[in-house]
């Protein structure tokens, strides 16, 4: 419904809802700030339906299979660890970490989005990429923004998953084992 058609009470309810959600939800507040910063063009763009592309779960399933095979990732995450000691969990984490790290290094080229040490001061110019950099904290005003790098972020530069036979069932992440 066009803005001019909204009643006073509808707009008042919307204002209260947006006010409380902005105070209680950082991500929502950042989105409101971004829309405000970009102006009417962003509002018009936000009204358009988002174009979604179809993805296949095959690569995600293949990655889970590799993480399970090399690091027993699924076994670890599916296990209820409440009954184990911290030392037992720590020992298991070392095995999982080593195997999962091996998979990442073998099949992915990953690099940080931002150079520099976490905790260092950074300046973001007006042309920064909001899909690659998330602003947190007290986000007010216009760029350039000055703040502290709390996480460098990660970007996949290359993916080298192995090819699989057409008959391979990627839904089988780890076959059941039966000892005879």
N, C-alpha and C. Protein backbone atom coordinates (compact mmCIF):
# COMPACT_ATOMS: atom_id res chain seq x y z
N UNK A 1 0.85 -1.17 0.00
CA UNK A 1 0.00 0.00 0.00
C UNK A 1 0.89 1.23 0.00
N UNK A 2 0.65 2.24 -0.87
CA UNK A 2 1.47 3.44 -0.89
C UNK A 2 1.43 4.14 0.47
N UNK A 3 2.53 4.82 0.80
CA UNK A 3 2.67 5.47 2.09
C UNK A 3 1.52 6.44 2.37
N UNK A 4 1.04 7.17 1.35
CA UNK A 4 -0.02 8.16 1.54
C UNK A 4 -1.34 7.52 1.93
N UNK A 5 -1.51 6.21 1.72
CA UNK A 5 -2.75 5.51 2.04
C UNK A 5 -2.77 4.97 3.46
N UNK A 6 -1.64 5.00 4.16
CA UNK A 6 -1.59 4.48 5.52
C UNK A 6 -2.25 5.46 6.48
N UNK A 7 -3.08 4.94 7.38
CA UNK A 7 -3.74 5.82 8.35
C UNK A 7 -2.73 6.30 9.38
N UNK A 8 -3.12 7.31 10.12
CA UNK A 8 -2.27 7.86 11.17
C UNK A 8 -1.92 6.77 12.19
N UNK A 9 -2.93 5.98 12.61
CA UNK A 9 -2.69 4.97 13.64
C UNK A 9 -1.82 3.82 13.12
N UNK A 10 -1.96 3.51 11.84
CA UNK A 10 -1.08 2.50 11.25
C UNK A 10 0.36 3.00 11.26
N UNK A 11 0.55 4.24 10.86
CA UNK A 11 1.91 4.82 10.88
C UNK A 11 2.45 4.92 12.29
N UNK A 12 1.61 5.26 13.27
CA UNK A 12 2.04 5.35 14.66
C UNK A 12 2.48 3.97 15.17
N UNK A 13 1.70 2.94 14.87
CA UNK A 13 2.08 1.58 15.26
C UNK A 13 3.38 1.15 14.60
N UNK A 14 3.55 1.49 13.35
CA UNK A 14 4.78 1.17 12.63
C UNK A 14 5.97 1.88 13.26
N UNK A 15 5.78 3.14 13.65
CA UNK A 15 6.86 3.91 14.27
C UNK A 15 7.28 3.29 15.60
N UNK A 16 6.31 2.91 16.43
CA UNK A 16 6.65 2.29 17.72
C UNK A 16 7.35 0.95 17.51
N UNK A 17 6.84 0.15 16.59
CA UNK A 17 7.45 -1.14 16.30
C UNK A 17 8.89 -0.98 15.82
N UNK A 18 9.10 -0.06 14.88
CA UNK A 18 10.45 0.17 14.36
C UNK A 18 11.36 0.72 15.44
N UNK A 19 10.85 1.59 16.30
CA UNK A 19 11.64 2.17 17.38
C UNK A 19 12.17 1.08 18.31
N UNK A 20 11.29 0.20 18.80
CA UNK A 20 11.70 -0.83 19.74
C UNK A 20 12.59 -1.88 19.07
N UNK A 21 12.29 -2.21 17.83
CA UNK A 21 13.12 -3.20 17.14
C UNK A 21 14.51 -2.62 16.86
N UNK A 22 14.58 -1.33 16.56
CA UNK A 22 15.87 -0.68 16.33
C UNK A 22 16.71 -0.68 17.61
N UNK A 23 16.08 -0.47 18.75
CA UNK A 23 16.80 -0.48 20.02
C UNK A 23 17.27 -1.87 20.41
N UNK A 24 16.49 -2.89 20.09
CA UNK A 24 16.80 -4.23 20.60
C UNK A 24 17.54 -5.13 19.61
N UNK A 25 17.64 -4.74 18.35
CA UNK A 25 18.22 -5.64 17.34
C UNK A 25 19.26 -4.87 16.52
N UNK A 26 20.53 -5.19 16.75
CA UNK A 26 21.62 -4.48 16.06
C UNK A 26 21.54 -4.61 14.55
N UNK A 27 21.25 -5.82 14.08
CA UNK A 27 21.20 -6.03 12.63
C UNK A 27 20.07 -5.22 11.99
N UNK A 28 18.92 -5.19 12.66
CA UNK A 28 17.80 -4.40 12.14
C UNK A 28 18.19 -2.93 12.13
N UNK A 29 18.80 -2.46 13.23
CA UNK A 29 19.21 -1.05 13.32
C UNK A 29 20.22 -0.71 12.22
N UNK A 30 21.15 -1.63 11.95
CA UNK A 30 22.12 -1.39 10.89
C UNK A 30 21.42 -1.30 9.53
N UNK A 31 20.40 -2.14 9.33
CA UNK A 31 19.64 -2.09 8.08
C UNK A 31 18.88 -0.79 7.93
N UNK A 32 18.26 -0.32 9.03
CA UNK A 32 17.55 0.96 9.00
C UNK A 32 18.52 2.09 8.69
N UNK A 33 19.68 2.04 9.36
CA UNK A 33 20.68 3.08 9.13
C UNK A 33 21.14 3.07 7.67
N UNK A 34 21.36 1.87 7.14
CA UNK A 34 21.81 1.75 5.75
C UNK A 34 20.76 2.33 4.80
N UNK A 35 19.48 1.99 5.04
CA UNK A 35 18.41 2.54 4.19
C UNK A 35 18.36 4.06 4.29
N UNK A 36 18.50 4.56 5.50
CA UNK A 36 18.46 6.02 5.70
C UNK A 36 19.64 6.68 4.99
N UNK A 37 20.81 6.04 5.11
CA UNK A 37 22.02 6.59 4.49
C UNK A 37 21.91 6.60 2.97
N UNK A 38 21.32 5.58 2.41
CA UNK A 38 21.23 5.49 0.96
C UNK A 38 20.06 6.27 0.38
N UNK A 39 19.13 6.65 1.24
CA UNK A 39 18.06 7.53 0.80
C UNK A 39 16.93 6.83 0.08
N UNK A 40 16.16 7.62 -0.62
CA UNK A 40 14.94 7.14 -1.28
C UNK A 40 15.23 6.06 -2.32
N UNK A 41 16.38 6.13 -2.97
CA UNK A 41 16.70 5.12 -3.99
C UNK A 41 16.77 3.73 -3.36
N UNK A 42 17.35 3.65 -2.17
CA UNK A 42 17.43 2.36 -1.48
C UNK A 42 16.06 1.89 -1.06
N UNK A 43 15.21 2.79 -0.62
CA UNK A 43 13.85 2.40 -0.24
C UNK A 43 13.10 1.85 -1.44
N UNK A 44 13.24 2.50 -2.58
CA UNK A 44 12.58 2.03 -3.79
C UNK A 44 13.13 0.66 -4.19
N UNK A 45 14.43 0.49 -4.07
CA UNK A 45 15.07 -0.79 -4.40
C UNK A 45 14.61 -1.88 -3.43
N UNK A 46 14.43 -1.52 -2.15
CA UNK A 46 14.02 -2.50 -1.15
C UNK A 46 12.61 -3.01 -1.41
N UNK A 47 11.80 -2.23 -2.10
CA UNK A 47 10.44 -2.67 -2.42
C UNK A 47 10.41 -3.73 -3.52
N UNK A 48 11.47 -3.82 -4.30
CA UNK A 48 11.53 -4.81 -5.36
C UNK A 48 11.79 -6.19 -4.76
N UNK A 49 11.18 -7.22 -5.30
CA UNK A 49 11.47 -8.56 -4.77
C UNK A 49 12.92 -8.93 -5.04
N UNK A 50 13.53 -9.57 -4.08
CA UNK A 50 14.92 -9.97 -4.19
C UNK A 50 15.03 -11.14 -5.16
N UNK A 51 15.94 -11.02 -6.13
CA UNK A 51 16.15 -12.09 -7.11
C UNK A 51 16.97 -13.18 -6.44
N UNK A 52 16.39 -14.36 -6.33
CA UNK A 52 17.08 -15.49 -5.71
C UNK A 52 17.51 -16.48 -6.78
N UNK A 53 18.71 -17.00 -6.65
CA UNK A 53 19.15 -18.01 -7.61
C UNK A 53 19.03 -19.38 -6.97
N UNK A 54 18.77 -20.33 -7.79
CA UNK A 54 18.61 -21.71 -7.34
C UNK A 54 19.99 -22.29 -7.05
N UNK A 55 20.14 -22.96 -5.92
CA UNK A 55 21.40 -23.62 -5.61
C UNK A 55 21.17 -25.10 -5.44
N UNK A 56 22.19 -25.86 -5.69
CA UNK A 56 22.13 -27.30 -5.52
C UNK A 56 22.79 -27.65 -4.19
N UNK A 57 22.21 -28.52 -3.42
CA UNK A 57 22.84 -28.91 -2.15
C UNK A 57 24.04 -29.84 -2.32
N UNK A 58 24.30 -30.27 -3.54
CA UNK A 58 25.34 -31.29 -3.75
C UNK A 58 26.71 -30.87 -3.21
N UNK A 59 27.14 -29.64 -3.49
CA UNK A 59 28.46 -29.20 -3.03
C UNK A 59 28.51 -29.11 -1.51
N UNK A 60 27.42 -28.64 -0.89
CA UNK A 60 27.38 -28.57 0.57
C UNK A 60 27.45 -29.97 1.17
N UNK A 61 26.73 -30.90 0.58
CA UNK A 61 26.76 -32.28 1.07
C UNK A 61 28.14 -32.90 0.87
N UNK A 62 28.77 -32.59 -0.25
CA UNK A 62 30.12 -33.10 -0.49
C UNK A 62 31.10 -32.55 0.54
N UNK A 63 30.96 -31.27 0.88
CA UNK A 63 31.82 -30.67 1.91
C UNK A 63 31.58 -31.36 3.26
N UNK A 64 30.33 -31.58 3.63
CA UNK A 64 30.05 -32.29 4.88
C UNK A 64 30.68 -33.67 4.88
N UNK A 65 30.60 -34.35 3.75
CA UNK A 65 31.21 -35.68 3.64
C UNK A 65 32.73 -35.60 3.88
N UNK A 66 33.39 -34.62 3.28
CA UNK A 66 34.83 -34.46 3.46
C UNK A 66 35.18 -34.13 4.91
N UNK A 67 34.40 -33.23 5.53
CA UNK A 67 34.65 -32.86 6.93
C UNK A 67 34.45 -34.06 7.85
N UNK A 68 33.48 -34.89 7.54
CA UNK A 68 33.26 -36.11 8.33
C UNK A 68 34.40 -37.09 8.14
N UNK A 69 34.78 -37.31 6.89
CA UNK A 69 35.83 -38.30 6.60
C UNK A 69 37.16 -37.92 7.24
N UNK A 70 37.54 -36.66 7.14
CA UNK A 70 38.86 -36.24 7.63
C UNK A 70 38.86 -35.81 9.10
N UNK A 71 37.72 -35.26 9.58
CA UNK A 71 37.73 -34.72 10.93
C UNK A 71 36.65 -35.25 11.85
N UNK A 72 35.85 -36.19 11.37
CA UNK A 72 34.76 -36.74 12.18
C UNK A 72 33.85 -35.61 12.70
N UNK A 73 33.67 -34.60 11.85
CA UNK A 73 32.92 -33.39 12.20
C UNK A 73 31.48 -33.71 12.61
N UNK A 74 30.77 -34.47 11.81
CA UNK A 74 29.36 -34.76 12.11
C UNK A 74 29.26 -35.58 13.39
N UNK A 75 30.15 -36.57 13.56
CA UNK A 75 30.14 -37.36 14.78
C UNK A 75 30.29 -36.46 16.00
N UNK A 76 31.23 -35.52 15.92
CA UNK A 76 31.49 -34.64 17.06
C UNK A 76 30.29 -33.74 17.34
N UNK A 77 29.73 -33.11 16.32
CA UNK A 77 28.63 -32.16 16.52
C UNK A 77 27.36 -32.88 16.96
N UNK A 78 27.15 -34.09 16.51
CA UNK A 78 25.95 -34.85 16.87
C UNK A 78 26.05 -35.46 18.27
N UNK A 79 27.25 -35.55 18.82
CA UNK A 79 27.46 -36.15 20.13
C UNK A 79 26.98 -35.20 21.23
N UNK A 80 26.31 -35.73 22.24
CA UNK A 80 25.95 -34.95 23.42
C UNK A 80 27.17 -34.93 24.33
N UNK A 81 27.84 -33.80 24.41
CA UNK A 81 29.11 -33.71 25.15
C UNK A 81 28.92 -33.34 26.61
N UNK A 82 27.68 -33.21 27.06
CA UNK A 82 27.43 -32.78 28.44
C UNK A 82 28.07 -33.71 29.47
N UNK A 83 28.17 -34.99 29.17
CA UNK A 83 28.70 -35.94 30.14
C UNK A 83 30.21 -36.11 30.10
N UNK A 84 30.89 -35.40 29.23
CA UNK A 84 32.34 -35.54 29.11
C UNK A 84 33.05 -34.43 29.87
N UNK A 85 34.28 -34.71 30.28
CA UNK A 85 35.07 -33.68 30.95
C UNK A 85 35.64 -32.72 29.91
N UNK A 86 36.07 -31.56 30.38
CA UNK A 86 36.69 -30.60 29.47
C UNK A 86 37.93 -31.19 28.81
N UNK A 87 38.67 -32.00 29.54
CA UNK A 87 39.88 -32.62 28.97
C UNK A 87 39.51 -33.59 27.85
N UNK A 88 38.44 -34.36 28.03
CA UNK A 88 38.00 -35.29 27.00
C UNK A 88 37.52 -34.54 25.76
N UNK A 89 36.77 -33.46 25.98
CA UNK A 89 36.29 -32.65 24.86
C UNK A 89 37.46 -32.01 24.14
N UNK A 90 38.42 -31.50 24.90
CA UNK A 90 39.60 -30.87 24.31
C UNK A 90 40.37 -31.83 23.43
N UNK A 91 40.53 -33.06 23.89
CA UNK A 91 41.24 -34.07 23.09
C UNK A 91 40.49 -34.35 21.80
N UNK A 92 39.16 -34.45 21.87
CA UNK A 92 38.36 -34.69 20.67
C UNK A 92 38.43 -33.51 19.72
N UNK A 93 38.41 -32.31 20.26
CA UNK A 93 38.45 -31.11 19.43
C UNK A 93 39.75 -31.05 18.62
N UNK A 94 40.84 -31.49 19.20
CA UNK A 94 42.12 -31.48 18.46
C UNK A 94 42.02 -32.34 17.20
N UNK A 95 41.42 -33.50 17.31
CA UNK A 95 41.27 -34.40 16.16
C UNK A 95 40.35 -33.76 15.12
N UNK A 96 39.21 -33.25 15.58
CA UNK A 96 38.24 -32.62 14.67
C UNK A 96 38.88 -31.41 14.00
N UNK A 97 39.55 -30.58 14.78
CA UNK A 97 40.19 -29.37 14.24
C UNK A 97 41.22 -29.71 13.18
N UNK A 98 42.07 -30.67 13.47
CA UNK A 98 43.12 -31.06 12.52
C UNK A 98 42.53 -31.56 11.21
N UNK A 99 41.52 -32.42 11.29
CA UNK A 99 40.91 -32.96 10.08
C UNK A 99 40.16 -31.91 9.28
N UNK A 100 39.39 -31.06 9.96
CA UNK A 100 38.62 -30.02 9.26
C UNK A 100 39.56 -28.99 8.63
N UNK A 101 40.62 -28.66 9.33
CA UNK A 101 41.61 -27.72 8.78
C UNK A 101 42.26 -28.30 7.52
N UNK A 102 42.52 -29.60 7.53
CA UNK A 102 43.09 -30.26 6.36
C UNK A 102 42.15 -30.12 5.16
N UNK A 103 40.85 -30.33 5.39
CA UNK A 103 39.87 -30.20 4.31
C UNK A 103 39.86 -28.78 3.76
N UNK A 104 39.82 -27.78 4.64
CA UNK A 104 39.80 -26.39 4.17
C UNK A 104 41.04 -26.07 3.34
N UNK A 105 42.20 -26.50 3.80
CA UNK A 105 43.44 -26.19 3.08
C UNK A 105 43.54 -26.94 1.75
N UNK A 106 43.01 -28.15 1.70
CA UNK A 106 43.13 -28.94 0.49
C UNK A 106 42.13 -28.53 -0.60
N UNK A 107 40.93 -28.13 -0.20
CA UNK A 107 39.87 -27.91 -1.18
C UNK A 107 39.43 -26.46 -1.36
N UNK A 108 39.96 -25.56 -0.54
CA UNK A 108 39.56 -24.15 -0.62
C UNK A 108 40.77 -23.24 -0.52
N UNK A 109 40.73 -22.15 -1.27
CA UNK A 109 41.68 -21.06 -1.05
C UNK A 109 40.87 -19.96 -0.37
N UNK A 110 41.25 -19.65 0.87
CA UNK A 110 40.50 -18.68 1.67
C UNK A 110 41.46 -17.57 2.07
N UNK A 111 40.97 -16.34 1.98
CA UNK A 111 41.80 -15.20 2.40
C UNK A 111 40.97 -14.25 3.24
N UNK A 112 41.64 -13.47 4.09
CA UNK A 112 40.90 -12.48 4.88
C UNK A 112 40.35 -11.37 4.00
N UNK A 113 39.19 -10.84 4.36
CA UNK A 113 38.60 -9.72 3.62
C UNK A 113 39.37 -8.44 3.92
N UNK A 114 39.74 -8.23 5.17
CA UNK A 114 40.49 -7.03 5.56
C UNK A 114 41.89 -7.44 6.01
N UNK A 115 42.88 -6.71 5.54
CA UNK A 115 44.23 -6.90 6.05
C UNK A 115 44.33 -6.21 7.40
N UNK A 116 45.33 -6.54 8.15
CA UNK A 116 45.53 -5.89 9.43
C UNK A 116 45.16 -6.81 10.58
N UNK A 117 45.62 -6.41 11.74
CA UNK A 117 45.37 -7.19 12.94
C UNK A 117 44.02 -6.83 13.55
N UNK A 118 43.34 -7.82 14.10
CA UNK A 118 42.12 -7.52 14.85
C UNK A 118 42.50 -6.65 16.03
N UNK A 119 41.69 -5.61 16.27
CA UNK A 119 41.99 -4.64 17.31
C UNK A 119 42.62 -3.37 16.76
N UNK A 120 43.03 -3.39 15.47
CA UNK A 120 43.66 -2.20 14.90
C UNK A 120 42.60 -1.21 14.42
N UNK A 121 42.97 0.04 14.32
CA UNK A 121 42.06 1.10 13.87
C UNK A 121 41.96 1.05 12.35
N UNK A 122 40.73 1.24 11.82
CA UNK A 122 40.50 1.24 10.38
C UNK A 122 39.58 2.39 10.01
N UNK A 123 39.68 2.81 8.75
CA UNK A 123 38.78 3.82 8.19
C UNK A 123 38.10 3.22 6.98
N UNK A 124 36.77 3.34 6.94
CA UNK A 124 35.99 2.84 5.80
C UNK A 124 35.48 4.04 5.01
N UNK A 125 35.88 4.11 3.76
CA UNK A 125 35.43 5.19 2.89
C UNK A 125 34.01 4.92 2.41
N UNK A 126 33.41 5.86 1.74
CA UNK A 126 32.02 5.77 1.31
C UNK A 126 31.77 4.60 0.36
N UNK A 127 32.79 4.15 -0.36
CA UNK A 127 32.59 3.08 -1.34
C UNK A 127 32.84 1.68 -0.77
N UNK A 128 32.85 1.53 0.57
CA UNK A 128 33.08 0.20 1.15
C UNK A 128 31.92 -0.73 0.77
N UNK A 129 32.21 -2.03 0.73
CA UNK A 129 31.23 -3.03 0.32
C UNK A 129 30.47 -3.54 1.56
N UNK A 130 29.20 -3.15 1.73
CA UNK A 130 28.47 -3.58 2.92
C UNK A 130 28.15 -5.08 2.95
N UNK A 131 28.33 -5.78 1.84
CA UNK A 131 28.16 -7.24 1.88
C UNK A 131 29.40 -7.93 2.42
N UNK A 132 30.54 -7.24 2.37
CA UNK A 132 31.79 -7.82 2.85
C UNK A 132 32.20 -7.26 4.20
N UNK A 133 31.63 -6.14 4.61
CA UNK A 133 31.98 -5.51 5.88
C UNK A 133 30.69 -5.17 6.62
N UNK A 134 30.54 -5.72 7.83
CA UNK A 134 29.37 -5.44 8.66
C UNK A 134 29.75 -4.41 9.71
N UNK A 135 29.00 -3.32 9.74
CA UNK A 135 29.21 -2.29 10.75
C UNK A 135 28.44 -2.67 12.01
N UNK A 136 29.09 -2.58 13.16
CA UNK A 136 28.45 -2.88 14.44
C UNK A 136 28.71 -1.72 15.39
N UNK A 137 28.03 -1.75 16.51
CA UNK A 137 28.24 -0.71 17.51
C UNK A 137 27.37 0.49 17.23
N UNK A 138 27.87 1.68 17.51
CA UNK A 138 27.13 2.93 17.35
C UNK A 138 27.32 3.46 15.95
N UNK A 139 26.49 2.98 15.02
CA UNK A 139 26.62 3.35 13.61
C UNK A 139 25.75 4.57 13.36
N UNK A 140 26.39 5.74 13.26
CA UNK A 140 25.68 6.99 12.99
C UNK A 140 26.47 7.81 11.99
N UNK A 141 25.77 8.67 11.29
CA UNK A 141 26.44 9.58 10.37
C UNK A 141 26.73 8.96 9.02
N UNK A 142 27.59 9.63 8.30
CA UNK A 142 27.96 9.25 6.94
C UNK A 142 29.43 8.83 6.90
N UNK A 143 29.80 8.01 5.90
CA UNK A 143 31.22 7.66 5.75
C UNK A 143 32.04 8.91 5.45
N UNK A 144 33.32 8.90 5.73
CA UNK A 144 34.10 7.75 6.18
C UNK A 144 33.81 7.40 7.64
N UNK A 145 33.80 6.08 7.92
CA UNK A 145 33.61 5.58 9.27
C UNK A 145 34.97 5.19 9.83
N UNK A 146 35.18 5.49 11.08
CA UNK A 146 36.42 5.11 11.77
C UNK A 146 36.06 4.18 12.92
N UNK A 147 36.76 3.06 13.01
CA UNK A 147 36.45 2.12 14.07
C UNK A 147 37.58 1.14 14.29
N UNK A 148 37.26 0.05 14.96
CA UNK A 148 38.24 -0.97 15.31
C UNK A 148 37.85 -2.26 14.59
N UNK A 149 38.83 -2.89 13.96
CA UNK A 149 38.62 -4.16 13.27
C UNK A 149 38.45 -5.25 14.32
N UNK A 150 37.23 -5.79 14.44
CA UNK A 150 36.98 -6.85 15.43
C UNK A 150 37.07 -8.24 14.81
N UNK A 151 36.91 -8.34 13.50
CA UNK A 151 37.09 -9.61 12.79
C UNK A 151 37.46 -9.30 11.35
N UNK A 152 38.50 -9.95 10.84
CA UNK A 152 38.98 -9.67 9.48
C UNK A 152 38.04 -10.18 8.40
N UNK A 153 37.17 -11.14 8.72
CA UNK A 153 36.29 -11.72 7.72
C UNK A 153 37.05 -12.71 6.85
N UNK A 154 36.31 -13.50 6.10
CA UNK A 154 36.92 -14.49 5.20
C UNK A 154 36.20 -14.48 3.87
N UNK A 155 36.96 -14.69 2.82
CA UNK A 155 36.42 -14.77 1.46
C UNK A 155 37.02 -16.01 0.78
N UNK A 156 36.16 -16.79 0.14
CA UNK A 156 36.64 -17.94 -0.64
C UNK A 156 37.13 -17.41 -1.98
N UNK A 157 38.39 -17.68 -2.27
CA UNK A 157 38.99 -17.24 -3.53
C UNK A 157 38.87 -18.34 -4.58
N UNK A 158 38.98 -19.58 -4.12
CA UNK A 158 38.90 -20.71 -5.05
C UNK A 158 38.33 -21.92 -4.31
N UNK A 159 37.51 -22.69 -5.01
CA UNK A 159 36.95 -23.93 -4.48
C UNK A 159 37.38 -25.04 -5.42
N UNK A 160 37.99 -26.10 -4.84
CA UNK A 160 38.51 -27.20 -5.65
C UNK A 160 37.94 -28.53 -5.15
N UNK A 161 36.63 -28.62 -5.03
CA UNK A 161 36.04 -29.88 -4.58
C UNK A 161 36.29 -30.96 -5.62
N UNK A 162 36.53 -32.19 -5.17
CA UNK A 162 36.79 -33.26 -6.13
C UNK A 162 35.54 -33.60 -6.94
N UNK A 163 35.77 -34.09 -8.13
CA UNK A 163 34.66 -34.53 -8.98
C UNK A 163 34.13 -35.85 -8.43
N UNK A 164 32.83 -36.06 -8.61
CA UNK A 164 32.23 -37.31 -8.14
C UNK A 164 31.55 -38.01 -9.31
N UNK A 165 31.46 -39.30 -9.21
CA UNK A 165 30.79 -40.09 -10.25
C UNK A 165 29.31 -39.73 -10.28
N UNK A 166 28.72 -39.81 -11.43
CA UNK A 166 27.31 -39.49 -11.58
C UNK A 166 26.43 -40.38 -10.71
N UNK A 167 26.90 -41.58 -10.41
CA UNK A 167 26.12 -42.51 -9.59
C UNK A 167 26.34 -42.32 -8.09
N UNK A 168 27.27 -41.44 -7.71
CA UNK A 168 27.59 -41.22 -6.30
C UNK A 168 26.42 -40.52 -5.61
N UNK A 169 25.96 -41.06 -4.49
CA UNK A 169 24.86 -40.46 -3.72
C UNK A 169 25.47 -39.49 -2.70
N UNK A 170 25.42 -38.20 -2.99
CA UNK A 170 26.03 -37.20 -2.11
C UNK A 170 25.30 -37.08 -0.78
N UNK A 171 24.11 -37.65 -0.67
CA UNK A 171 23.37 -37.60 0.59
C UNK A 171 23.95 -38.56 1.63
N UNK A 172 24.74 -39.53 1.19
CA UNK A 172 25.42 -40.44 2.13
C UNK A 172 26.68 -39.72 2.58
N UNK A 173 26.65 -39.15 3.77
CA UNK A 173 27.77 -38.36 4.27
C UNK A 173 28.85 -39.24 4.87
N UNK A 174 28.45 -40.35 5.45
CA UNK A 174 29.37 -41.35 5.99
C UNK A 174 28.62 -42.66 6.00
N UNK A 175 29.11 -43.65 5.30
CA UNK A 175 28.38 -44.93 5.28
C UNK A 175 28.40 -45.57 6.66
N UNK A 176 27.34 -46.31 6.94
CA UNK A 176 27.32 -47.10 8.18
C UNK A 176 28.39 -48.17 8.05
N UNK A 177 28.99 -48.54 9.17
CA UNK A 177 30.03 -49.56 9.16
C UNK A 177 29.57 -50.77 9.94
N UNK A 178 29.77 -51.91 9.38
CA UNK A 178 29.41 -53.18 10.03
C UNK A 178 30.65 -54.06 10.01
N UNK A 179 31.13 -54.40 11.19
CA UNK A 179 32.30 -55.28 11.25
C UNK A 179 31.84 -56.73 11.29
N UNK A 180 32.47 -57.56 10.48
CA UNK A 180 32.11 -58.98 10.40
C UNK A 180 33.17 -59.84 11.06
